[in-house]
Amino acid sequence: MYNHILDPSGDVIFTLEKPNAPFAIWNGISNNSNPSKEQPAVIHKPVTFLVSSRHLSLASPMLEVALTGGWKETIARETDSLHEISTEGWDVQAMVITMSIIHHKWSQVPQKVDLELLAKIAVIVDYYQMYETVQLIGMLWVERLRARPPDSYGRELMLWMCVSLVLRDNGVFRHSTKVAIRHCPGDLETLELPISSAVVGKFPFT
């Protein structure tokens, strides 16, 4: 019935509509893919999670408001006392990992992730304001990444900027912004990532 059960006694059905939307598109390219190998757009079915309202509320002030009736995407079902929350576009793997962290399902949380997946998780964390919940494991992921922020302006640098901003990694964030300031030819391409207006306001840099 549910694609992912994080709590068998859960009281919230979390539905992810239109999952795996194109992410952080740079010059028409997302996910570092080769445009010549792009496949036709695939319409993915909704993905459902059975989760705990208590865990959601503790992890996210935004979801706490949603579950108390302050969010239009939340519906209380009279038939079975379940709440429904809907969202769209997120990466399924990133959502599974984030929900697993929230519910302390550590066996389902990878010890390492690549930059692409980490950025997708960071976007979810920022949207739902779950900074404290994910910061510790997030910093471990950053430490275990073999690659480091590049010294040139591009999509990879912007992913690093996003990750470091959300996870409060000041060293990586300073490096990323310095590189962008030096090499960005015009307006900063935020790629719809949660990069603050304070950063964007520095561009174009003269």
Protein backbone atom coordinates (compact mmCIF):
# COMPACT_ATOMS: atom_id res chain seq x y z
CA MET A 1 0.00 0.00 0.00
CA TYR A 2 2.86 2.37 0.85
CA ASN A 3 6.14 2.52 -1.01
CA HIS A 4 8.15 3.23 2.14
CA ILE A 5 7.11 2.49 5.72
CA LEU A 6 9.21 4.44 8.20
CA ASP A 7 6.84 3.78 11.10
CA PRO A 8 4.42 0.80 10.94
CA SER A 9 2.20 2.67 13.41
CA GLY A 10 2.56 5.93 11.54
CA ASP A 11 -0.26 8.44 11.42
CA VAL A 12 0.85 10.47 8.38
CA ILE A 13 0.85 9.55 4.70
CA PHE A 14 3.53 11.64 3.01
CA THR A 15 3.01 11.66 -0.76
CA LEU A 16 5.73 12.73 -3.16
CA GLU A 17 4.12 13.77 -6.44
CA LYS A 18 6.10 14.06 -9.69
CA PRO A 19 9.27 12.64 -8.10
CA ASN A 20 12.77 12.93 -9.52
CA ALA A 21 12.23 16.25 -11.27
CA PRO A 22 15.24 17.72 -13.15
CA PHE A 23 17.64 19.08 -10.57
CA ALA A 24 19.95 22.10 -10.60
CA ILE A 25 19.85 22.62 -14.35
CA TRP A 26 22.97 24.32 -15.71
CA ASN A 27 22.83 25.54 -19.32
CA GLY A 28 20.12 23.03 -20.11
CA ILE A 29 21.93 20.15 -18.41
CA SER A 30 21.01 18.58 -15.07
CA ASN A 31 22.74 15.90 -13.00
CA ASN A 32 25.96 16.36 -15.00
CA SER A 33 24.43 14.37 -17.84
CA ASN A 34 25.50 14.44 -21.46
CA PRO A 35 22.77 16.19 -23.49
CA SER A 36 23.34 13.84 -26.44
CA LYS A 37 22.34 10.93 -24.21
CA GLU A 38 19.30 12.55 -22.64
CA GLN A 39 16.25 10.29 -22.53
CA PRO A 40 12.66 11.46 -23.07
CA ALA A 41 11.00 12.77 -19.93
CA VAL A 42 9.54 9.98 -17.80
CA ILE A 43 6.35 10.54 -15.84
CA HIS A 44 6.93 8.92 -12.46
CA LYS A 45 4.11 7.68 -10.27
CA PRO A 46 3.63 9.27 -6.83
CA VAL A 47 5.70 7.77 -4.03
CA THR A 48 4.11 7.32 -0.60
CA PHE A 49 5.67 7.19 2.85
CA LEU A 50 3.97 6.08 6.07
CA VAL A 51 5.56 8.23 8.75
CA SER A 52 5.15 9.51 12.30
CA SER A 53 3.74 12.96 12.99
CA ARG A 54 5.74 13.11 16.23
CA HIS A 55 9.04 12.53 14.44
CA LEU A 56 8.14 15.01 11.70
CA SER A 57 7.17 17.68 14.21
CA LEU A 58 10.34 17.26 16.25
CA ALA A 59 12.53 17.43 13.15
CA SER A 60 10.84 20.27 11.30
CA PRO A 61 9.05 23.38 12.60
CA MET A 62 7.53 23.74 9.14
CA LEU A 63 6.01 20.25 9.26
CA GLU A 64 4.84 20.87 12.81
CA VAL A 65 2.82 23.83 11.51
CA ALA A 66 1.56 21.71 8.62
CA LEU A 67 0.32 18.98 10.95
CA THR A 68 -1.58 21.46 13.13
CA GLY A 69 -3.59 22.73 10.20
CA GLY A 70 -1.45 25.62 9.09
CA TRP A 71 -0.56 24.29 5.65
CA LYS A 72 -2.83 23.82 2.68
CA GLU A 73 -0.91 20.72 1.53
CA THR A 74 -2.09 18.86 4.67
CA ILE A 75 -5.41 17.00 4.85
CA ALA A 76 -6.86 15.22 7.89
CA ARG A 77 -8.77 12.09 6.88
CA GLU A 78 -11.83 11.40 9.01
CA THR A 79 -12.09 7.77 7.88
CA ASP A 80 -8.87 6.50 9.47
CA SER A 81 -7.45 9.42 11.52
CA LEU A 82 -4.47 9.72 9.19
CA HIS A 83 -3.03 13.00 8.02
CA GLU A 84 -1.95 13.43 4.43
CA ILE A 85 0.90 15.69 3.37
CA SER A 86 1.79 16.17 -0.27
CA THR A 87 4.83 17.63 -1.95
CA GLU A 88 6.39 17.30 -5.37
CA GLY A 89 9.60 17.17 -7.33
CA TRP A 90 12.03 15.87 -4.73
CA ASP A 91 14.47 13.08 -5.51
CA VAL A 92 13.11 9.79 -4.15
CA GLN A 93 16.43 8.52 -2.81
CA ALA A 94 17.10 11.84 -1.09
CA MET A 95 13.64 11.79 0.48
CA VAL A 96 14.03 8.19 1.70
CA ILE A 97 17.35 9.05 3.35
CA THR A 98 15.96 12.22 4.93
CA MET A 99 12.91 10.41 6.29
CA SER A 100 15.14 7.62 7.59
CA ILE A 101 17.24 10.13 9.52
CA ILE A 102 14.12 11.73 10.99
CA HIS A 103 12.83 8.33 12.14
CA HIS A 104 16.25 7.12 13.38
CA LYS A 105 16.34 4.27 10.85
CA TRP A 106 20.13 4.40 10.70
CA SER A 107 20.50 1.11 8.83
CA GLN A 108 18.82 2.84 5.89
CA VAL A 109 21.16 5.86 6.01
CA PRO A 110 24.30 5.48 3.87
CA GLN A 111 27.69 6.23 5.37
CA LYS A 112 28.75 8.00 2.18
CA VAL A 113 26.89 9.94 -0.51
CA ASP A 114 28.13 11.76 -3.58
CA LEU A 115 27.86 15.51 -4.03
CA GLU A 116 24.81 15.25 -6.29
CA LEU A 117 22.78 13.29 -3.75
CA LEU A 118 24.03 15.40 -0.87
CA ALA A 119 22.83 18.56 -2.63
CA LYS A 120 19.42 16.98 -3.22
CA ILE A 121 19.18 16.14 0.47
CA ALA A 122 20.31 19.65 1.41
CA VAL A 123 17.50 21.20 -0.64
CA ILE A 124 14.93 19.09 1.23
CA VAL A 125 16.53 19.92 4.58
CA ASP A 126 16.41 23.63 3.81
CA TYR A 127 12.82 23.56 2.57
CA TYR A 128 11.55 21.85 5.72
CA GLN A 129 14.01 23.68 8.02
CA MET A 130 15.52 20.47 9.41
CA TYR A 131 19.03 21.87 9.87
CA GLU A 132 19.79 20.51 13.35
CA THR A 133 18.34 17.09 12.57
CA VAL A 134 20.62 16.46 9.60
CA GLN A 135 23.67 18.62 10.33
CA LEU A 136 25.79 15.98 12.11
CA ILE A 137 25.40 13.21 9.52
CA GLY A 138 25.63 15.85 6.80
CA MET A 139 29.03 17.02 8.02
CA LEU A 140 30.24 13.41 8.12
CA TRP A 141 29.16 13.01 4.50
CA VAL A 142 31.06 16.16 3.54
CA GLU A 143 34.21 14.87 5.26
CA ARG A 144 33.96 11.55 3.43
CA LEU A 145 33.62 13.07 -0.01
CA ARG A 146 36.84 12.46 -1.91
CA ALA A 147 36.34 15.50 -4.12
CA ARG A 148 36.72 19.03 -2.80
CA PRO A 149 35.15 22.26 -4.06
CA PRO A 150 36.54 23.22 -7.48
CA ASP A 151 38.52 26.36 -8.21
CA SER A 152 36.35 27.26 -11.19
CA TYR A 153 32.81 28.58 -11.53
CA GLY A 154 30.20 26.07 -12.65
CA ARG A 155 27.44 23.71 -11.59
CA GLU A 156 29.65 21.69 -9.23
CA LEU A 157 30.71 24.83 -7.38
CA MET A 158 27.08 25.86 -6.93
CA LEU A 159 26.22 22.45 -5.50
CA TRP A 160 29.05 22.87 -3.00
CA MET A 161 27.82 26.35 -2.12
CA CYS A 162 24.33 25.00 -1.47
CA VAL A 163 25.54 22.09 0.65
CA SER A 164 27.93 24.19 2.73
CA LEU A 165 25.32 26.88 3.33
CA VAL A 166 22.64 24.44 4.48
CA LEU A 167 25.03 22.35 6.61
CA ARG A 168 26.78 25.42 8.07
CA ASP A 169 30.23 24.43 6.78
CA ASN A 170 31.82 27.87 6.94
CA GLY A 171 35.16 26.88 5.45
CA VAL A 172 33.71 25.30 2.32
CA PHE A 173 31.18 28.11 2.00
CA ARG A 174 33.87 30.80 2.12
CA HIS A 175 35.94 28.99 -0.50
CA SER A 176 32.93 28.52 -2.79
CA THR A 177 31.83 32.13 -2.60
CA LYS A 178 35.38 33.43 -3.17
CA VAL A 179 35.74 31.29 -6.30
CA ALA A 180 32.34 32.40 -7.57
CA ILE A 181 33.15 36.07 -6.95
CA ARG A 182 36.43 35.76 -8.84
CA HIS A 183 35.20 33.75 -11.80
CA CYS A 184 31.46 34.37 -12.24
CA PRO A 185 31.13 36.42 -15.46
CA GLY A 186 27.82 38.03 -14.55
CA ASP A 187 24.76 37.26 -12.46
CA LEU A 188 25.11 34.23 -10.20
CA GLU A 189 23.32 31.13 -11.50
CA THR A 190 21.61 29.80 -8.37
CA LEU A 191 19.98 26.88 -10.25
CA GLU A 192 16.93 27.27 -7.96
CA LEU A 193 19.07 26.06 -5.06
CA PRO A 194 18.57 27.56 -1.58
CA ILE A 195 21.34 30.13 -1.84
CA SER A 196 20.61 33.23 0.21
CA SER A 197 19.93 36.65 -1.25
CA ALA A 198 22.93 37.96 0.70
CA VAL A 199 25.17 35.82 -1.50
CA VAL A 200 23.34 36.60 -4.73
CA GLY A 201 23.55 40.31 -3.94
CA LYS A 202 27.32 40.22 -4.39
CA PHE A 203 26.91 39.60 -8.14
CA PRO A 204 27.84 40.89 -10.58
CA PHE A 205 31.00 41.63 -8.61
CA THR A 206 33.03 44.69 -9.57
